[in-house]
Amino acid sequence: MVSNEQRRRQLAREKYLRQQNRREAARHKQRRRYVVIASTLAVVLAAGGVVTAVSALSGGDGDKKKSDKASEPTMPTPSPTPTTKAPDPCAKGAKEAGNKKPKTMSWKKEPALTVDQSATYAMKLETTCGDMTVTMDAAKAPHTVNSFNFLAGKGYFDHTKCHRLTPQGIFVLQCGDPMGTGMGDPGYTIPDENLKDSRIKGNKYPAGTVAMANQYDPQTKKGKNSGGSQFFLVYKDSELPPYYTPFGTLDKESMKVLKKISDAGAAAPDPQTGNTAPNATVLINKATVGKS
């Protein structure tokens, strides 16, 4: 016969086992929750730009059909929080520029490589906010420099809007799309270049870097060599995977112009494109490229 003391001990053991089972079940449920959250974040971050982390930023449009493709960077960052609406520091320049529209141009293939690969080139961007000069190294990024030389010579960038400013996570101003939506391109793509540039240390693009936007998706590893005409100017050190061709740098005076633009902040995300446009009206009145 089981004594009262033995029965009491048995009940105590059963209670202890039930408690342990409940605790283990709770820990298992919590672990599963963490896995789901981590997986979701991985997808969101890889999509970057689509969520308009970037576009960039997935501000990227790697899944768009070819006819609707965009050269937005698929940058792994959270969606930027819009800043408070600030005065437009470039309003006067925008008024003087008038309402000129960019040309609609497209080419079936990349232009022939004609730049002097032993030379340094400079791209001057005359904008409504002031002039910015991008020093470009043709030896490290010949296809990219050659493309900018070709497009600028055709007036492709003239009267185009810099359509995106990201004020959180990554800190870039994105330009180079005549459509002003993040979906425009010149009809051809150029190869990725200079991805192991010594200046890109620890997956950090330093302030003053100018790099190509593209459609690369690190999750699927698709979208390589998808750069078009869109590029971004880094106004503050930004942590990004080394998938975006760094082809130029800004000088000190150009950084002052870029700071004026970034200090004005960004608007709320556009419901259709997801872009956070700069509060400053940044229009490229004219772009020219030449040997420096």
Protein backbone atom coordinates (compact mmCIF):
# COMPACT_ATOMS: atom_id res chain seq x y z
CA MET A 1 0.00 0.00 0.00
CA VAL A 2 1.25 3.50 -0.88
CA SER A 3 1.68 5.64 2.19
CA ASN A 4 0.44 9.22 2.40
CA GLU A 5 4.06 10.45 2.36
CA GLN A 6 4.86 8.45 -0.79
CA ARG A 7 1.68 9.74 -2.44
CA ARG A 8 2.61 13.30 -1.51
CA ARG A 9 6.07 12.89 -3.01
CA GLN A 10 4.64 11.38 -6.20
CA LEU A 11 2.24 14.28 -6.62
CA ALA A 12 5.06 16.73 -6.02
CA ARG A 13 7.20 15.05 -8.68
CA GLU A 14 4.31 15.10 -11.16
CA LYS A 15 3.73 18.78 -10.45
CA TYR A 16 7.42 19.52 -10.95
CA LEU A 17 7.45 17.62 -14.26
CA ARG A 18 4.37 19.52 -15.48
CA GLN A 19 6.06 22.81 -14.60
CA GLN A 20 9.23 21.78 -16.43
CA ASN A 21 7.25 20.72 -19.50
CA ARG A 22 5.37 24.03 -19.55
CA ARG A 23 8.64 25.97 -19.23
CA GLU A 24 10.29 23.97 -22.02
CA ALA A 25 7.23 24.47 -24.25
CA ALA A 26 7.36 28.22 -23.56
CA ARG A 27 11.09 28.34 -24.36
CA HIS A 28 10.50 26.41 -27.58
CA LYS A 29 7.69 28.77 -28.58
CA GLN A 30 9.92 31.79 -27.86
CA ARG A 31 12.78 30.31 -29.92
CA ARG A 32 10.39 29.73 -32.84
CA ARG A 33 9.20 33.33 -32.54
CA TYR A 34 12.76 34.62 -32.69
CA VAL A 35 13.46 32.51 -35.78
CA VAL A 36 10.36 33.88 -37.53
CA ILE A 37 11.29 37.46 -36.62
CA ALA A 38 14.88 36.96 -37.77
CA SER A 39 13.74 35.41 -41.04
CA THR A 40 11.30 38.24 -41.65
CA LEU A 41 13.97 40.83 -40.97
CA ALA A 42 16.36 39.07 -43.29
CA VAL A 43 13.80 39.23 -46.08
CA VAL A 44 12.97 42.87 -45.38
CA LEU A 45 16.61 43.89 -45.17
CA ALA A 46 17.52 41.99 -48.30
CA ALA A 47 14.61 43.66 -50.02
CA GLY A 48 15.97 46.92 -48.67
CA GLY A 49 14.95 49.35 -51.37
CA VAL A 50 11.57 47.69 -52.06
CA VAL A 51 10.51 48.70 -48.61
CA THR A 52 12.51 51.75 -49.49
CA ALA A 53 14.94 51.03 -46.97
CA VAL A 54 16.48 51.69 -50.16
CA SER A 55 15.47 51.48 -52.59
CA ALA A 56 18.50 51.58 -52.02
CA LEU A 57 18.01 51.43 -50.34
CA SER A 58 14.28 47.26 -51.29
CA GLY A 59 14.08 50.66 -52.64
CA GLY A 60 15.52 48.25 -55.18
CA ASP A 61 13.39 46.89 -57.95
CA GLY A 62 15.21 43.70 -58.76
CA ASP A 63 11.89 41.85 -59.20
CA LYS A 64 10.43 44.30 -61.70
CA LYS A 65 9.97 43.13 -65.25
CA LYS A 66 12.66 44.31 -67.64
CA SER A 67 10.50 46.96 -69.26
CA ASP A 68 9.79 48.44 -65.85
CA LYS A 69 13.18 47.95 -64.28
CA ALA A 70 14.76 50.50 -62.04
CA SER A 71 18.34 51.10 -61.09
CA GLU A 72 17.53 51.76 -57.48
CA PRO A 73 19.97 50.38 -54.95
CA THR A 74 18.63 47.43 -52.98
CA MET A 75 20.14 48.71 -49.78
CA PRO A 76 19.63 46.76 -46.55
CA THR A 77 18.25 49.38 -44.19
CA PRO A 78 14.93 50.06 -42.44
CA SER A 79 12.42 52.39 -44.02
CA PRO A 80 13.56 55.93 -43.28
CA THR A 81 11.52 58.04 -40.90
CA PRO A 82 10.67 61.30 -42.65
CA THR A 83 12.06 64.43 -41.07
CA THR A 84 10.06 67.50 -40.21
CA LYS A 85 9.21 69.59 -43.24
CA ALA A 86 11.99 72.12 -43.60
CA PRO A 87 12.31 75.25 -45.74
CA ASP A 88 13.59 74.61 -49.25
CA PRO A 89 17.14 76.02 -49.39
CA CYS A 90 17.15 75.62 -53.17
CA ALA A 91 13.83 77.31 -53.95
CA LYS A 92 15.50 80.32 -55.56
CA GLY A 93 17.63 78.15 -57.82
CA ALA A 94 14.61 76.03 -58.75
CA LYS A 95 12.63 79.14 -59.68
CA GLU A 96 15.47 80.39 -61.87
CA ALA A 97 15.72 76.97 -63.55
CA GLY A 98 12.12 77.15 -64.68
CA ASN A 99 10.14 74.12 -65.77
CA LYS A 100 12.48 72.61 -68.34
CA LYS A 101 11.98 68.89 -68.81
CA PRO A 102 14.66 66.25 -69.30
CA LYS A 103 15.02 64.60 -72.68
CA THR A 104 13.62 61.13 -73.26
CA MET A 105 16.51 59.02 -74.54
CA SER A 106 17.28 55.33 -74.67
CA TRP A 107 19.96 53.11 -76.21
CA LYS A 108 19.96 49.38 -76.88
CA LYS A 109 23.52 48.71 -75.75
CA GLU A 110 26.33 50.15 -73.70
CA PRO A 111 28.41 52.74 -75.59
CA ALA A 112 31.81 51.72 -76.93
CA LEU A 113 34.63 52.13 -74.41
CA THR A 114 36.42 55.31 -75.50
CA VAL A 115 37.64 56.96 -72.27
CA ASP A 116 41.34 57.22 -71.52
CA GLN A 117 41.79 54.64 -68.77
CA SER A 118 45.01 56.27 -67.62
CA ALA A 119 43.25 59.57 -66.94
CA THR A 120 41.15 61.06 -64.17
CA TYR A 121 37.84 62.59 -65.19
CA ALA A 122 35.60 65.10 -63.47
CA MET A 123 31.82 65.29 -63.72
CA LYS A 124 30.43 68.72 -62.92
CA LEU A 125 26.83 68.78 -61.74
CA GLU A 126 25.34 72.26 -61.97
CA THR A 127 22.34 72.04 -59.66
CA THR A 128 19.70 74.34 -58.27
CA CYS A 129 21.45 74.01 -54.90
CA GLY A 130 24.96 74.78 -56.14
CA ASP A 131 27.64 73.08 -58.18
CA MET A 132 29.07 69.68 -57.23
CA THR A 133 32.12 68.06 -58.80
CA VAL A 134 32.64 64.30 -58.88
CA THR A 135 36.24 63.19 -59.47
CA MET A 136 36.17 59.87 -61.34
CA ASP A 137 38.94 57.29 -61.79
CA ALA A 138 38.72 55.71 -65.26
CA ALA A 139 41.35 53.10 -64.39
CA LYS A 140 39.25 51.61 -61.57
CA ALA A 141 35.79 52.00 -63.15
CA PRO A 142 36.27 52.41 -66.91
CA HIS A 143 32.79 51.25 -67.99
CA THR A 144 31.09 53.49 -65.41
CA VAL A 145 33.15 56.58 -66.24
CA ASN A 146 32.71 55.91 -69.94
CA SER A 147 28.94 55.68 -69.52
CA PHE A 148 28.74 58.96 -67.61
CA ASN A 149 30.93 60.63 -70.22
CA PHE A 150 28.58 59.37 -72.94
CA LEU A 151 25.31 60.24 -71.16
CA ALA A 152 26.44 63.69 -70.03
CA GLY A 153 27.57 64.43 -73.59
CA LYS A 154 24.07 63.61 -74.82
CA GLY A 155 22.44 65.87 -72.22
CA TYR A 156 20.79 62.87 -70.57
CA PHE A 157 21.10 64.27 -67.02
CA ASP A 158 20.14 67.86 -67.84
CA HIS A 159 17.01 69.09 -66.02
CA THR A 160 16.66 65.85 -64.05
CA LYS A 161 15.55 65.70 -60.44
CA CYS A 162 17.43 64.05 -57.59
CA HIS A 163 14.47 62.01 -56.46
CA ARG A 164 15.50 60.40 -53.20
CA LEU A 165 17.13 61.32 -49.90
CA THR A 166 17.50 58.73 -47.13
CA PRO A 167 17.89 60.35 -43.70
CA GLN A 168 18.07 57.18 -41.60
CA GLY A 169 20.03 53.93 -41.73
CA ILE A 170 21.96 55.01 -44.79
CA PHE A 171 22.61 58.60 -45.75
CA VAL A 172 22.51 59.20 -49.48
CA LEU A 173 21.08 61.47 -52.14
CA GLN A 174 20.03 59.56 -55.26
CA CYS A 175 20.00 61.09 -58.73
CA GLY A 176 20.30 60.15 -62.39
CA ASP A 177 16.73 59.20 -63.31
CA PRO A 178 15.05 61.40 -65.96
CA MET A 179 11.69 59.98 -64.85
CA GLY A 180 12.27 61.18 -61.28
CA THR A 181 10.66 58.01 -59.89
CA GLY A 182 13.56 55.59 -59.44
CA MET A 183 12.40 53.54 -62.44
CA GLY A 184 14.30 55.24 -65.24
CA ASP A 185 17.37 53.97 -67.06
CA PRO A 186 19.23 54.59 -70.33
CA GLY A 187 18.10 51.30 -71.87
CA TYR A 188 21.39 49.52 -71.27
CA THR A 189 23.27 48.26 -68.22
CA ILE A 190 26.94 48.39 -67.27
CA PRO A 191 29.05 45.90 -65.29
CA ASP A 192 29.82 46.23 -61.60
CA GLU A 193 33.32 47.58 -61.03
CA ASN A 194 35.77 48.47 -58.28
CA LEU A 195 33.83 46.53 -55.61
CA LYS A 196 37.02 45.88 -53.65
CA ASP A 197 38.00 49.53 -53.45
CA SER A 198 40.27 50.07 -50.45
CA ARG A 199 38.12 53.00 -49.31
CA ILE A 200 35.16 50.71 -48.68
CA LYS A 201 36.27 49.22 -45.36
CA GLY A 202 34.02 47.17 -43.09
CA ASN A 203 31.11 47.51 -45.54
CA LYS A 204 31.12 51.24 -44.96
CA TYR A 205 30.85 53.74 -47.80
CA PRO A 206 32.48 56.90 -46.43
CA ALA A 207 30.98 60.36 -46.78
CA GLY A 208 31.89 61.90 -50.11
CA THR A 209 31.66 58.62 -52.01
CA VAL A 210 29.66 58.55 -55.25
CA ALA A 211 28.48 55.09 -56.31
CA MET A 212 26.16 53.36 -58.75
CA ALA A 213 22.68 52.24 -57.80
CA ASN A 214 21.68 48.79 -59.03
CA GLN A 215 19.19 45.95 -58.63
CA TYR A 216 21.34 43.38 -56.86
CA ASP A 217 19.44 41.25 -54.33
CA PRO A 218 21.85 39.66 -51.82
CA GLN A 219 19.23 37.08 -50.85
CA THR A 220 18.77 35.63 -54.33
CA LYS A 221 22.17 36.81 -55.57
CA LYS A 222 20.47 38.06 -58.71
CA GLY A 223 20.83 41.48 -60.28
CA LYS A 224 24.58 41.74 -60.73
CA ASN A 225 25.86 44.08 -63.44
CA SER A 226 22.54 45.94 -63.47
CA GLY A 227 23.72 49.54 -63.11
CA GLY A 228 22.16 52.07 -65.47
CA SER A 229 22.22 55.82 -64.97
CA GLN A 230 21.18 56.20 -61.34
CA PHE A 231 23.82 57.01 -58.78
CA PHE A 232 23.98 58.09 -55.16
CA LEU A 233 26.06 60.61 -53.24
CA VAL A 234 26.94 59.65 -49.66
CA TYR A 235 26.65 62.62 -47.28
CA LYS A 236 27.43 60.67 -44.10
CA ASP A 237 29.29 57.39 -43.56
CA SER A 238 26.83 54.63 -44.50
CA GLU A 239 27.01 50.92 -43.81
CA LEU A 240 26.23 49.06 -47.02
CA PRO A 241 27.32 45.72 -48.48
CA PRO A 242 29.99 46.20 -51.18
CA TYR A 243 27.67 45.65 -54.14
CA TYR A 244 27.56 49.21 -55.47
CA THR A 245 30.29 50.43 -57.80
CA PRO A 246 32.19 53.30 -56.14
CA PHE A 247 33.37 55.41 -59.05
CA GLY A 248 33.92 58.91 -57.70
CA THR A 249 34.44 61.29 -54.80
CA LEU A 250 33.20 64.75 -53.93
CA ASP A 251 35.49 67.63 -52.98
CA LYS A 252 34.99 69.82 -49.88
CA GLU A 253 32.98 72.51 -51.65
CA SER A 254 30.69 69.89 -53.14
CA MET A 255 30.18 68.35 -49.69
CA LYS A 256 28.98 71.75 -48.44
CA VAL A 257 26.29 71.74 -51.14
CA LEU A 258 25.35 68.16 -50.28
CA LYS A 259 25.15 69.04 -46.58
CA LYS A 260 22.78 71.92 -47.37
CA ILE A 261 20.54 69.45 -49.17
CA SER A 262 20.67 66.79 -46.44
CA ASP A 263 20.12 69.31 -43.63
CA ALA A 264 16.77 70.22 -45.18
CA GLY A 265 15.63 66.63 -44.61
CA ALA A 266 13.27 64.40 -46.54
CA ALA A 267 9.55 64.31 -47.23
CA ALA A 268 7.20 61.49 -46.25
CA PRO A 269 7.43 58.37 -48.46
CA ASP A 270 5.59 58.63 -51.76
CA PRO A 271 2.66 56.15 -51.61
CA GLN A 272 3.34 54.92 -55.15
CA THR A 273 7.14 54.75 -55.37
CA GLY A 274 8.10 54.64 -51.70
CA ASN A 275 10.74 57.31 -52.35
CA THR A 276 11.49 59.89 -49.69
CA ALA A 277 12.17 62.97 -51.80
CA PRO A 278 14.51 65.65 -50.45
CA ASN A 279 12.76 68.72 -49.09
CA ALA A 280 15.27 70.71 -51.11
CA THR A 281 14.39 70.99 -54.79
CA VAL A 282 17.50 69.40 -56.27
CA LEU A 283 17.56 69.63 -60.05
CA ILE A 284 20.61 68.97 -62.20
CA ASN A 285 20.51 71.88 -64.63
CA LYS A 286 23.48 70.52 -66.57
CA ALA A 287 26.05 67.73 -66.26
CA THR A 288 29.39 67.82 -68.06
CA VAL A 289 32.33 65.39 -68.03
CA GLY A 290 35.93 66.05 -68.99
CA LYS A 291 39.49 65.14 -68.08
CA SER A 292 40.64 66.82 -64.89
